[in-house]
C-alpha cells in the first residue's frame, strides 16, 4: 500500500485521519504512564489497540497461566487476620471477576 501525501488527501482521508487522532487522544488520556510508555511508538489507533491487547491479555499461554494463578488464589482464599468482612468481600469479588474475565465462571456453590 502506497501512502498518499497530505496534500493529496481527499475529504474522506482527512475525516479518517481526524477520527484516528481523536481515538488516539482518548486512549492516551486513559492510560497510565507505565502503559503509555509501551504504546507511544505506535502510529495508528489500530496499532495501539493491538499492542494493548497483547499487553493486557497476552497470548494463550499467558492466559492459561493467569487462569491457573487465579484458580490457585481462589482455592486458597481465606480471611486475613484483622480483615473486615467488607475487605474480604472486596477481595473475593475481585477474584471472582478476574476468573470471569479469564473465561472461568464460578457457581454459587463454589
PDB file of N, CA and C in Angstrom:
ATOM      1  N   UNK A   1       0.834  -1.173   0.000  1.00  0.00           N
ATOM      2  CA  UNK A   1       0.000   0.000   0.000  1.00  0.00           C
ATOM      3  C   UNK A   1       0.889   1.249   0.000  1.00  0.00           C
ATOM      4  N   UNK A   2       0.631   2.134  -0.937  1.00  0.00           N
ATOM      5  CA  UNK A   2       1.383   3.373  -1.036  1.00  0.00           C
ATOM      6  C   UNK A   2       0.594   4.459  -0.317  1.00  0.00           C
ATOM      7  N   UNK A   3       1.262   5.127   0.598  1.00  0.00           N
ATOM      8  CA  UNK A   3       0.599   6.168   1.367  1.00  0.00           C
ATOM      9  C   UNK A   3       0.589   7.470   0.582  1.00  0.00           C
ATOM     10  N   UNK A   4      -0.549   8.152   0.619  1.00  0.00           N
ATOM     11  CA  UNK A   4      -0.671   9.438  -0.069  1.00  0.00           C
ATOM     12  C   UNK A   4       0.025  10.521   0.743  1.00  0.00           C
ATOM     13  N   UNK A   5       0.489  11.537   0.031  1.00  0.00           N
ATOM     14  CA  UNK A   5       0.997  12.713   0.720  1.00  0.00           C
ATOM     15  C   UNK A   5      -0.187  13.522   1.223  1.00  0.00           C
ATOM     16  N   UNK A   6       0.044  14.288   2.268  1.00  0.00           N
ATOM     17  CA  UNK A   6      -1.041  15.060   2.896  1.00  0.00           C
ATOM     18  C   UNK A   6      -1.767  15.968   1.912  1.00  0.00           C
ATOM     19  N   UNK A   7      -1.039  16.570   0.985  1.00  0.00           N
ATOM     20  CA  UNK A   7      -1.668  17.482   0.031  1.00  0.00           C
ATOM     21  C   UNK A   7      -2.526  16.741  -1.004  1.00  0.00           C
ATOM     22  N   UNK A   8      -2.447  15.404  -1.027  1.00  0.00           N
ATOM     23  CA  UNK A   8      -3.255  14.597  -1.953  1.00  0.00           C
ATOM     24  C   UNK A   8      -4.495  14.000  -1.287  1.00  0.00           C
ATOM     25  N   UNK A   9      -4.670  14.249  -0.006  1.00  0.00           N
ATOM     26  CA  UNK A   9      -5.790  13.662   0.738  1.00  0.00           C
ATOM     27  C   UNK A   9      -7.128  14.188   0.241  1.00  0.00           C
ATOM     28  N   UNK A  10      -8.085  13.271   0.198  1.00  0.00           N
ATOM     29  CA  UNK A  10      -9.463  13.649  -0.106  1.00  0.00           C
ATOM     30  C   UNK A  10     -10.152  14.041   1.201  1.00  0.00           C
ATOM     31  N   UNK A  11     -11.377  14.525   1.094  1.00  0.00           N
ATOM     32  CA  UNK A  11     -12.149  14.855   2.285  1.00  0.00           C
ATOM     33  C   UNK A  11     -12.330  13.644   3.184  1.00  0.00           C
ATOM     34  N   UNK A  12     -12.536  12.483   2.571  1.00  0.00           N
ATOM     35  CA  UNK A  12     -12.704  11.233   3.329  1.00  0.00           C
ATOM     36  C   UNK A  12     -11.414  10.857   4.059  1.00  0.00           C
ATOM     37  N   UNK A  13     -10.271  11.033   3.400  1.00  0.00           N
ATOM     38  CA  UNK A  13      -8.980  10.749   4.032  1.00  0.00           C
ATOM     39  C   UNK A  13      -8.760  11.643   5.253  1.00  0.00           C
ATOM     40  N   UNK A  14      -9.111  12.919   5.113  1.00  0.00           N
ATOM     41  CA  UNK A  14      -8.958  13.868   6.219  1.00  0.00           C
ATOM     42  C   UNK A  14      -9.868  13.490   7.384  1.00  0.00           C
ATOM     43  N   UNK A  15     -11.080  13.062   7.057  1.00  0.00           N
ATOM     44  CA  UNK A  15     -12.035  12.667   8.094  1.00  0.00           C
ATOM     45  C   UNK A  15     -11.515  11.450   8.863  1.00  0.00           C
ATOM     46  N   UNK A  16     -10.989  10.453   8.130  1.00  0.00           N
ATOM     47  CA  UNK A  16     -10.447   9.254   8.770  1.00  0.00           C
ATOM     48  C   UNK A  16      -9.244   9.592   9.650  1.00  0.00           C
ATOM     49  N   UNK A  17      -8.374  10.455   9.164  1.00  0.00           N
ATOM     50  CA  UNK A  17      -7.196  10.845   9.945  1.00  0.00           C
ATOM     51  C   UNK A  17      -7.615  11.585  11.215  1.00  0.00           C
ATOM     52  N   UNK A  18      -8.629  12.427  11.095  1.00  0.00           N
ATOM     53  CA  UNK A  18      -9.117  13.163  12.261  1.00  0.00           C
ATOM     54  C   UNK A  18      -9.719  12.207  13.286  1.00  0.00           C
ATOM     55  N   UNK A  19     -10.513  11.246  12.832  1.00  0.00           N
ATOM     56  CA  UNK A  19     -11.096  10.262  13.744  1.00  0.00           C
ATOM     57  C   UNK A  19     -10.013   9.426  14.419  1.00  0.00           C
ATOM     58  N   UNK A  20      -8.977   9.084  13.668  1.00  0.00           N
ATOM     59  CA  UNK A  20      -7.860   8.326  14.242  1.00  0.00           C
ATOM     60  C   UNK A  20      -7.167   9.151  15.323  1.00  0.00           C
ATOM     61  N   UNK A  21      -6.978  10.427  15.066  1.00  0.00           N
ATOM     62  CA  UNK A  21      -6.346  11.307  16.058  1.00  0.00           C
ATOM     63  C   UNK A  21      -7.212  11.448  17.309  1.00  0.00           C
ATOM     64  N   UNK A  22      -8.512  11.548  17.135  1.00  0.00           N
ATOM     65  CA  UNK A  22      -9.426  11.648  18.274  1.00  0.00           C
ATOM     66  C   UNK A  22      -9.360  10.375  19.108  1.00  0.00           C
ATOM     67  N   UNK A  23      -9.402   9.227  18.437  1.00  0.00           N
ATOM     68  CA  UNK A  23      -9.340   7.939  19.146  1.00  0.00           C
ATOM     69  C   UNK A  23      -8.013   7.781  19.883  1.00  0.00           C
ATOM     70  N   UNK A  24      -6.903   8.169  19.237  1.00  0.00           N
ATOM     71  CA  UNK A  24      -5.594   8.099  19.900  1.00  0.00           C
ATOM     72  C   UNK A  24      -5.577   8.991  21.131  1.00  0.00           C
ATOM     73  N   UNK A  25      -6.123  10.174  21.016  1.00  0.00           N
ATOM     74  CA  UNK A  25      -6.159  11.107  22.141  1.00  0.00           C
ATOM     75  C   UNK A  25      -6.935  10.516  23.314  1.00  0.00           C
ATOM     76  N   UNK A  26      -8.064   9.883  23.028  1.00  0.00           N
ATOM     77  CA  UNK A  26      -8.865   9.257  24.081  1.00  0.00           C
ATOM     78  C   UNK A  26      -8.060   8.154  24.769  1.00  0.00           C
ATOM     79  N   UNK A  27      -7.408   7.316  23.974  1.00  0.00           N
ATOM     80  CA  UNK A  27      -6.593   6.241  24.553  1.00  0.00           C
ATOM     81  C   UNK A  27      -5.443   6.810  25.380  1.00  0.00           C
ATOM     82  N   UNK A  28      -4.762   7.816  24.854  1.00  0.00           N
ATOM     83  CA  UNK A  28      -3.644   8.414  25.580  1.00  0.00           C
ATOM     84  C   UNK A  28      -4.084   8.951  26.937  1.00  0.00           C
ATOM     85  N   UNK A  29      -5.239   9.587  26.977  1.00  0.00           N
ATOM     86  CA  UNK A  29      -5.720  10.198  28.220  1.00  0.00           C
ATOM     87  C   UNK A  29      -6.162   9.174  29.260  1.00  0.00           C
ATOM     88  N   UNK A  30      -6.460   7.962  28.836  1.00  0.00           N
ATOM     89  CA  UNK A  30      -6.943   6.951  29.778  1.00  0.00           C
ATOM     90  C   UNK A  30      -5.845   6.020  30.288  1.00  0.00           C
ATOM     91  N   UNK A  31      -4.681   6.081  29.695  1.00  0.00           N
ATOM     92  CA  UNK A  31      -3.602   5.164  30.075  1.00  0.00           C
ATOM     93  C   UNK A  31      -2.687   5.784  31.121  1.00  0.00           C
ATOM     94  N   UNK A  32      -2.195   4.937  32.024  1.00  0.00           N
ATOM     95  CA  UNK A  32      -1.217   5.449  32.979  1.00  0.00           C
ATOM     96  C   UNK A  32       0.150   5.556  32.291  1.00  0.00           C
ATOM     97  N   UNK A  33       1.093   6.204  32.960  1.00  0.00           N
ATOM     98  CA  UNK A  33       2.416   6.471  32.366  1.00  0.00           C
ATOM     99  C   UNK A  33       3.136   5.193  31.974  1.00  0.00           C
ATOM    100  N   UNK A  34       2.985   4.153  32.780  1.00  0.00           N
ATOM    101  CA  UNK A  34       3.671   2.891  32.525  1.00  0.00           C
ATOM    102  C   UNK A  34       3.195   2.258  31.212  1.00  0.00           C
ATOM    103  N   UNK A  35       1.887   2.180  31.038  1.00  0.00           N
ATOM    104  CA  UNK A  35       1.343   1.587  29.806  1.00  0.00           C
ATOM    105  C   UNK A  35       1.599   2.516  28.623  1.00  0.00           C
ATOM    106  N   UNK A  36       1.442   3.825  28.846  1.00  0.00           N
ATOM    107  CA  UNK A  36       1.666   4.785  27.764  1.00  0.00           C
ATOM    108  C   UNK A  36       3.064   4.637  27.171  1.00  0.00           C
ATOM    109  N   UNK A  37       4.051   4.432  28.036  1.00  0.00           N
ATOM    110  CA  UNK A  37       5.428   4.302  27.548  1.00  0.00           C
ATOM    111  C   UNK A  37       5.592   3.092  26.627  1.00  0.00           C
ATOM    112  N   UNK A  38       4.713   2.107  26.771  1.00  0.00           N
ATOM    113  CA  UNK A  38       4.806   0.901  25.946  1.00  0.00           C
ATOM    114  C   UNK A  38       4.118   1.058  24.598  1.00  0.00           C
ATOM    115  N   UNK A  39       3.219   2.045  24.453  1.00  0.00           N
ATOM    116  CA  UNK A  39       2.483   2.188  23.200  1.00  0.00           C
ATOM    117  C   UNK A  39       2.799   3.487  22.469  1.00  0.00           C
ATOM    118  N   UNK A  40       3.646   4.336  23.056  1.00  0.00           N
ATOM    119  CA  UNK A  40       3.867   5.659  22.474  1.00  0.00           C
ATOM    120  C   UNK A  40       4.498   5.623  21.085  1.00  0.00           C
ATOM    121  N   UNK A  41       5.119   4.524  20.707  1.00  0.00           N
ATOM    122  CA  UNK A  41       5.732   4.434  19.384  1.00  0.00           C
ATOM    123  C   UNK A  41       4.738   3.998  18.300  1.00  0.00           C
ATOM    124  N   UNK A  42       3.543   3.590  18.694  1.00  0.00           N
ATOM    125  CA  UNK A  42       2.529   3.182  17.719  1.00  0.00           C
ATOM    126  C   UNK A  42       2.013   4.404  16.969  1.00  0.00           C
ATOM    127  N   UNK A  43       1.803   4.249  15.662  1.00  0.00           N
ATOM    128  CA  UNK A  43       1.404   5.410  14.871  1.00  0.00           C
ATOM    129  C   UNK A  43      -0.096   5.500  14.611  1.00  0.00           C
ATOM    130  N   UNK A  44      -0.816   4.388  14.726  1.00  0.00           N
ATOM    131  CA  UNK A  44      -2.257   4.429  14.491  1.00  0.00           C
ATOM    132  C   UNK A  44      -2.999   3.868  15.694  1.00  0.00           C
ATOM    133  N   UNK A  45      -4.272   4.190  15.751  1.00  0.00           N
ATOM    134  CA  UNK A  45      -5.112   3.678  16.827  1.00  0.00           C
ATOM    135  C   UNK A  45      -5.175   2.156  16.787  1.00  0.00           C
ATOM    136  N   UNK A  46      -5.228   1.607  15.588  1.00  0.00           N
ATOM    137  CA  UNK A  46      -5.282   0.143  15.451  1.00  0.00           C
ATOM    138  C   UNK A  46      -4.027  -0.486  16.052  1.00  0.00           C
ATOM    139  N   UNK A  47      -2.865   0.077  15.770  1.00  0.00           N
ATOM    140  CA  UNK A  47      -1.615  -0.431  16.350  1.00  0.00           C
ATOM    141  C   UNK A  47      -1.643  -0.341  17.873  1.00  0.00           C
ATOM    142  N   UNK A  48      -2.124   0.793  18.390  1.00  0.00           N
ATOM    143  CA  UNK A  48      -2.219   0.978  19.841  1.00  0.00           C
ATOM    144  C   UNK A  48      -3.120  -0.088  20.438  1.00  0.00           C
ATOM    145  N   UNK A  49      -4.280  -0.282  19.821  1.00  0.00           N
ATOM    146  CA  UNK A  49      -5.259  -1.246  20.343  1.00  0.00           C
ATOM    147  C   UNK A  49      -4.675  -2.658  20.351  1.00  0.00           C
ATOM    148  N   UNK A  50      -4.023  -3.051  19.278  1.00  0.00           N
ATOM    149  CA  UNK A  50      -3.425  -4.391  19.206  1.00  0.00           C
ATOM    150  C   UNK A  50      -2.325  -4.555  20.264  1.00  0.00           C
ATOM    151  N   UNK A  51      -1.540  -3.518  20.479  1.00  0.00           N
ATOM    152  CA  UNK A  51      -0.484  -3.562  21.493  1.00  0.00           C
ATOM    153  C   UNK A  51      -1.094  -3.675  22.890  1.00  0.00           C
ATOM    154  N   UNK A  52      -2.182  -2.941  23.140  1.00  0.00           N
ATOM    155  CA  UNK A  52      -2.852  -3.014  24.436  1.00  0.00           C
ATOM    156  C   UNK A  52      -3.418  -4.409  24.683  1.00  0.00           C
ATOM    157  N   UNK A  53      -3.979  -5.016  23.662  1.00  0.00           N
ATOM    158  CA  UNK A  53      -4.489  -6.390  23.796  1.00  0.00           C
ATOM    159  C   UNK A  53      -3.343  -7.324  24.144  1.00  0.00           C
ATOM    160  N   UNK A  54      -2.228  -7.171  23.448  1.00  0.00           N
ATOM    161  CA  UNK A  54      -1.055  -8.007  23.718  1.00  0.00           C
ATOM    162  C   UNK A  54      -0.561  -7.797  25.141  1.00  0.00           C
ATOM    163  N   UNK A  55      -0.505  -6.557  25.594  1.00  0.00           N
ATOM    164  CA  UNK A  55      -0.013  -6.243  26.938  1.00  0.00           C
ATOM    165  C   UNK A  55      -0.963  -6.779  28.001  1.00  0.00           C
ATOM    166  N   UNK A  56      -2.251  -6.526  27.818  1.00  0.00           N
ATOM    167  CA  UNK A  56      -3.230  -6.843  28.860  1.00  0.00           C
ATOM    168  C   UNK A  56      -3.678  -8.296  28.870  1.00  0.00           C
ATOM    169  N   UNK A  57      -3.829  -8.870  27.701  1.00  0.00           N
ATOM    170  CA  UNK A  57      -4.324 -10.239  27.640  1.00  0.00           C
ATOM    171  C   UNK A  57      -3.227 -11.254  27.418  1.00  0.00           C
ATOM    172  N   UNK A  58      -2.231 -10.889  26.657  1.00  0.00           N
ATOM    173  CA  UNK A  58      -1.151 -11.819  26.369  1.00  0.00           C
ATOM    174  C   UNK A  58      -1.579 -12.898  25.383  1.00  0.00           C
ATOM    175  N   UNK A  59      -0.734 -13.875  25.186  1.00  0.00           N
ATOM    176  CA  UNK A  59      -1.062 -14.976  24.285  1.00  0.00           C
ATOM    177  C   UNK A  59      -1.799 -16.069  25.061  1.00  0.00           C
ATOM    178  N   UNK A  60      -2.088 -17.163  24.417  1.00  0.00           N
ATOM    179  CA  UNK A  60      -2.855 -18.247  25.055  1.00  0.00           C
ATOM    180  C   UNK A  60      -2.143 -18.815  26.284  1.00  0.00           C
ATOM    181  N   UNK A  61      -0.831 -18.950  26.199  1.00  0.00           N
ATOM    182  CA  UNK A  61      -0.082 -19.488  27.338  1.00  0.00           C
ATOM    183  C   UNK A  61      -0.156 -18.525  28.531  1.00  0.00           C
ATOM    184  N   UNK A  62      -0.069 -17.231  28.257  1.00  0.00           N
ATOM    185  CA  UNK A  62      -0.181 -16.240  29.325  1.00  0.00           C
ATOM    186  C   UNK A  62      -1.556 -16.304  29.971  1.00  0.00           C
ATOM    187  N   UNK A  63      -2.592 -16.434  29.137  1.00  0.00           N
ATOM    188  CA  UNK A  63      -3.956 -16.523  29.664  1.00  0.00           C
ATOM    189  C   UNK A  63      -4.115 -17.764  30.544  1.00  0.00           C
ATOM    190  N   UNK A  64      -3.563 -18.884  30.087  1.00  0.00           N
ATOM    191  CA  UNK A  64      -3.640 -20.116  30.874  1.00  0.00           C
ATOM    192  C   UNK A  64      -2.915 -19.958  32.210  1.00  0.00           C
ATOM    193  N   UNK A  65      -1.757 -19.300  32.180  1.00  0.00           N
ATOM    194  CA  UNK A  65      -1.001 -19.065  33.415  1.00  0.00           C
ATOM    195  C   UNK A  65      -1.780 -18.165  34.373  1.00  0.00           C
ATOM    196  N   UNK A  66      -2.378 -17.105  33.835  1.00  0.00           N
ATOM    197  CA  UNK A  66      -3.171 -16.199  34.671  1.00  0.00           C
ATOM    198  C   UNK A  66      -4.351 -16.940  35.291  1.00  0.00           C
ATOM    199  N   UNK A  67      -4.997 -17.793  34.497  1.00  0.00           N
ATOM    200  CA  UNK A  67      -6.134 -18.566  34.996  1.00  0.00           C
ATOM    201  C   UNK A  67      -5.680 -19.533  36.080  1.00  0.00           C
ATOM    202  N   UNK A  68      -4.556 -20.162  35.870  1.00  0.00           N
ATOM    203  CA  UNK A  68      -4.014 -21.096  36.848  1.00  0.00           C
ATOM    204  C   UNK A  68      -3.727 -20.405  38.181  1.00  0.00           C
ATOM    205  N   UNK A  69      -3.103 -19.252  38.114  1.00  0.00           N
ATOM    206  CA  UNK A  69      -2.785 -18.491  39.324  1.00  0.00           C
ATOM    207  C   UNK A  69      -4.064 -18.036  40.019  1.00  0.00           C
ATOM    208  N   UNK A  70      -5.027 -17.545  39.242  1.00  0.00           N
ATOM    209  CA  UNK A  70      -6.296 -17.087  39.814  1.00  0.00           C
ATOM    210  C   UNK A  70      -7.051 -18.237  40.466  1.00  0.00           C
ATOM    211  N   UNK A  71      -7.046 -19.406  39.842  1.00  0.00           N
ATOM    212  CA  UNK A  71      -7.723 -20.579  40.420  1.00  0.00           C
ATOM    213  C   UNK A  71      -7.049 -20.991  41.726  1.00  0.00           C
ATOM    214  N   UNK A  72      -5.725 -20.948  41.754  1.00  0.00           N
ATOM    215  CA  UNK A  72      -4.985 -21.289  42.978  1.00  0.00           C
ATOM    216  C   UNK A  72      -5.314 -20.282  44.084  1.00  0.00           C
ATOM    217  N   UNK A  73      -5.367 -19.000  43.724  1.00  0.00           N
ATOM    218  CA  UNK A  73      -5.730 -17.974  44.703  1.00  0.00           C
ATOM    219  C   UNK A  73      -7.153 -18.184  45.222  1.00  0.00           C
ATOM    220  N   UNK A  74      -8.038 -18.618  44.336  1.00  0.00           N
ATOM    221  CA  UNK A  74      -9.426 -18.872  44.739  1.00  0.00           C
ATOM    222  C   UNK A  74      -9.497 -20.037  45.729  1.00  0.00           C
ATOM    223  N   UNK A  75      -8.750 -21.088  45.415  1.00  0.00           N
ATOM    224  CA  UNK A  75      -8.750 -22.266  46.297  1.00  0.00           C
ATOM    225  C   UNK A  75      -8.161 -21.945  47.669  1.00  0.00           C
ATOM    226  N   UNK A  76      -7.194 -21.047  47.707  1.00  0.00           N
ATOM    227  CA  UNK A  76      -6.509 -20.713  48.954  1.00  0.00           C
ATOM    228  C   UNK A  76      -7.098 -19.479  49.648  1.00  0.00           C
ATOM    229  N   UNK A  77      -8.203 -18.980  49.147  1.00  0.00           N
ATOM    230  CA  UNK A  77      -8.794 -17.760  49.692  1.00  0.00           C
ATOM    231  C   UNK A  77      -9.274 -17.964  51.120  1.00  0.00           C
ATOM    232  N   UNK A  78      -8.732 -17.157  52.017  1.00  0.00           N
ATOM    233  CA  UNK A  78      -9.126 -17.182  53.428  1.00  0.00           C
ATOM    234  C   UNK A  78      -9.148 -15.750  53.926  1.00  0.00           C
ATOM    235  N   UNK A  79      -9.927 -15.542  54.940  1.00  0.00           N
ATOM    236  CA  UNK A  79      -9.988 -14.231  55.550  1.00  0.00           C
ATOM    237  C   UNK A  79      -8.695 -13.999  56.329  1.00  0.00           C
ATOM    238  N   UNK A  80      -8.075 -12.829  56.130  1.00  0.00           N
ATOM    239  CA  UNK A  80      -6.827 -12.497  56.811  1.00  0.00           C
ATOM    240  C   UNK A  80      -7.115 -11.998  58.224  1.00  0.00           C
ATOM    241  N   UNK A  81      -6.145 -12.165  59.093  1.00  0.00           N
ATOM    242  CA  UNK A  81      -6.281 -11.681  60.468  1.00  0.00           C
ATOM    243  C   UNK A  81      -6.464 -10.169  60.449  1.00  0.00           C
ATOM    244  N   UNK A  82      -7.463  -9.692  61.145  1.00  0.00           N
ATOM    245  CA  UNK A  82      -7.730  -8.263  61.224  1.00  0.00           C
ATOM    246  C   UNK A  82      -8.481  -7.695  60.036  1.00  0.00           C
ATOM    247  N   UNK A  83      -8.809  -8.543  59.073  1.00  0.00           N
ATOM    248  CA  UNK A  83      -9.524  -8.094  57.881  1.00  0.00           C
ATOM    249  C   UNK A  83     -11.020  -8.003  58.180  1.00  0.00           C
ATOM    250  N   UNK A  84     -11.647  -6.937  57.730  1.00  0.00           N
ATOM    251  CA  UNK A  84     -13.089  -6.812  57.933  1.00  0.00           C
ATOM    252  C   UNK A  84     -13.815  -7.648  56.894  1.00  0.00           C
ATOM    253  N   UNK A  85     -15.085  -7.886  57.139  1.00  0.00           N
ATOM    254  CA  UNK A  85     -15.895  -8.655  56.202  1.00  0.00           C
ATOM    255  C   UNK A  85     -15.993  -7.917  54.865  1.00  0.00           C
ATOM    256  N   UNK A  86     -16.094  -6.597  54.908  1.00  0.00           N
ATOM    257  CA  UNK A  86     -16.160  -5.812  53.668  1.00  0.00           C
ATOM    258  C   UNK A  86     -14.870  -5.931  52.866  1.00  0.00           C
ATOM    259  N   UNK A  87     -13.730  -5.886  53.542  1.00  0.00           N
ATOM    260  CA  UNK A  87     -12.445  -6.037  52.854  1.00  0.00           C
ATOM    261  C   UNK A  87     -12.325  -7.423  52.232  1.00  0.00           C
ATOM    262  N   UNK A  88     -12.747  -8.452  52.957  1.00  0.00           N
ATOM    263  CA  UNK A  88     -12.706  -9.813  52.421  1.00  0.00           C
ATOM    264  C   UNK A  88     -13.643  -9.927  51.223  1.00  0.00           C
ATOM    265  N   UNK A  89     -14.821  -9.341  51.340  1.00  0.00           N
ATOM    266  CA  UNK A  89     -15.791  -9.389  50.248  1.00  0.00           C
ATOM    267  C   UNK A  89     -15.230  -8.705  48.996  1.00  0.00           C
ATOM    268  N   UNK A  90     -14.501  -7.604  49.159  1.00  0.00           N
ATOM    269  CA  UNK A  90     -13.881  -6.917  48.024  1.00  0.00           C
ATOM    270  C   UNK A  90     -12.843  -7.804  47.349  1.00  0.00           C
ATOM    271  N   UNK A  91     -12.003  -8.463  48.153  1.00  0.00           N
ATOM    272  CA  UNK A  91     -11.000  -9.379  47.587  1.00  0.00           C
ATOM    273  C   UNK A  91     -11.670 -10.537  46.875  1.00  0.00           C
ATOM    274  N   UNK A  92     -12.718 -11.081  47.505  1.00  0.00           N
ATOM    275  CA  UNK A  92     -13.445 -12.210  46.920  1.00  0.00           C
ATOM    276  C   UNK A  92     -14.079 -11.804  45.590  1.00  0.00           C
ATOM    277  N   UNK A  93     -14.774 -10.663  45.582  1.00  0.00           N
ATOM    278  CA  UNK A  93     -15.435 -10.191  44.356  1.00  0.00           C
ATOM    279  C   UNK A  93     -14.427  -9.911  43.254  1.00  0.00           C
ATOM    280  N   UNK A  94     -13.303  -9.330  43.627  1.00  0.00           N
ATOM    281  CA  UNK A  94     -12.255  -9.040  42.653  1.00  0.00           C
ATOM    282  C   UNK A  94     -11.736 -10.329  42.019  1.00  0.00           C
ATOM    283  N   UNK A  95     -11.541 -11.342  42.833  1.00  0.00           N
ATOM    284  CA  UNK A  95     -11.057 -12.627  42.344  1.00  0.00           C
ATOM    285  C   UNK A  95     -12.086 -13.303  41.440  1.00  0.00           C
ATOM    286  N   UNK A  96     -13.347 -13.268  41.829  1.00  0.00           N
ATOM    287  CA  UNK A  96     -14.412 -13.846  41.001  1.00  0.00           C
ATOM    288  C   UNK A  96     -14.494 -13.114  39.663  1.00  0.00           C
ATOM    289  N   UNK A  97     -14.362 -11.790  39.686  1.00  0.00           N
ATOM    290  CA  UNK A  97     -14.379 -11.006  38.440  1.00  0.00           C
ATOM    291  C   UNK A  97     -13.178 -11.324  37.560  1.00  0.00           C
ATOM    292  N   UNK A  98     -12.026 -11.511  38.176  1.00  0.00           N
ATOM    293  CA  UNK A  98     -10.827 -11.879  37.427  1.00  0.00           C
ATOM    294  C   UNK A  98     -11.014 -13.230  36.746  1.00  0.00           C
ATOM    295  N   UNK A  99     -11.577 -14.186  37.477  1.00  0.00           N
ATOM    296  CA  UNK A  99     -11.842 -15.506  36.896  1.00  0.00           C
ATOM    297  C   UNK A  99     -12.822 -15.407  35.739  1.00  0.00           C
ATOM    298  N   UNK A 100     -13.864 -14.612  35.910  1.00  0.00           N
ATOM    299  CA  UNK A 100     -14.856 -14.440  34.840  1.00  0.00           C
ATOM    300  C   UNK A 100     -14.209 -13.818  33.603  1.00  0.00           C
ATOM    301  N   UNK A 101     -13.339 -12.833  33.812  1.00  0.00           N
ATOM    302  CA  UNK A 101     -12.650 -12.189  32.693  1.00  0.00           C
ATOM    303  C   UNK A 101     -11.741 -13.166  31.952  1.00  0.00           C
ATOM    304  N   UNK A 102     -11.260 -14.169  32.671  1.00  0.00           N
ATOM    305  CA  UNK A 102     -10.398 -15.182  32.056  1.00  0.00           C
ATOM    306  C   UNK A 102     -11.202 -16.359  31.500  1.00  0.00           C
ATOM    307  N   UNK A 103     -12.538 -16.250  31.568  1.00  0.00           N
ATOM    308  CA  UNK A 103     -13.396 -17.274  30.981  1.00  0.00           C
ATOM    309  C   UNK A 103     -13.816 -18.388  31.931  1.00  0.00           C
ATOM    310  N   UNK A 104     -13.566 -18.232  33.213  1.00  0.00           N
ATOM    311  CA  UNK A 104     -13.904 -19.251  34.194  1.00  0.00           C
ATOM    312  C   UNK A 104     -15.032 -18.731  35.072  1.00  0.00           C
ATOM    313  N   UNK A 105     -16.221 -19.261  34.870  1.00  0.00           N
ATOM    314  CA  UNK A 105     -17.372 -18.865  35.685  1.00  0.00           C
ATOM    315  C   UNK A 105     -17.382 -19.694  36.951  1.00  0.00           C
ATOM    316  N   UNK A 106     -17.711 -19.047  38.059  1.00  0.00           N
ATOM    317  CA  UNK A 106     -17.804 -19.750  39.328  1.00  0.00           C
ATOM    318  C   UNK A 106     -19.273 -19.827  39.727  1.00  0.00           C
ATOM    319  N   UNK A 107     -19.644 -20.935  40.306  1.00  0.00           N
ATOM    320  CA  UNK A 107     -21.026 -21.121  40.730  1.00  0.00           C
ATOM    321  C   UNK A 107     -21.193 -20.636  42.155  1.00  0.00           C
ATOM    322  N   UNK A 108     -22.425 -20.453  42.572  1.00  0.00           N
ATOM    323  CA  UNK A 108     -22.716 -20.019  43.934  1.00  0.00           C
ATOM    324  C   UNK A 108     -22.210 -21.055  44.929  1.00  0.00           C
ATOM    325  N   UNK A 109     -22.302 -22.330  44.568  1.00  0.00           N
ATOM    326  CA  UNK A 109     -21.854 -23.383  45.482  1.00  0.00           C
ATOM    327  C   UNK A 109     -20.359 -23.278  45.753  1.00  0.00           C
ATOM    328  N   UNK A 110     -19.586 -22.959  44.761  1.00  0.00           N
ATOM    329  CA  UNK A 110     -18.127 -22.839  44.939  1.00  0.00           C
ATOM    330  C   UNK A 110     -17.834 -21.658  45.821  1.00  0.00           C
TER     331      UNK A 110
END
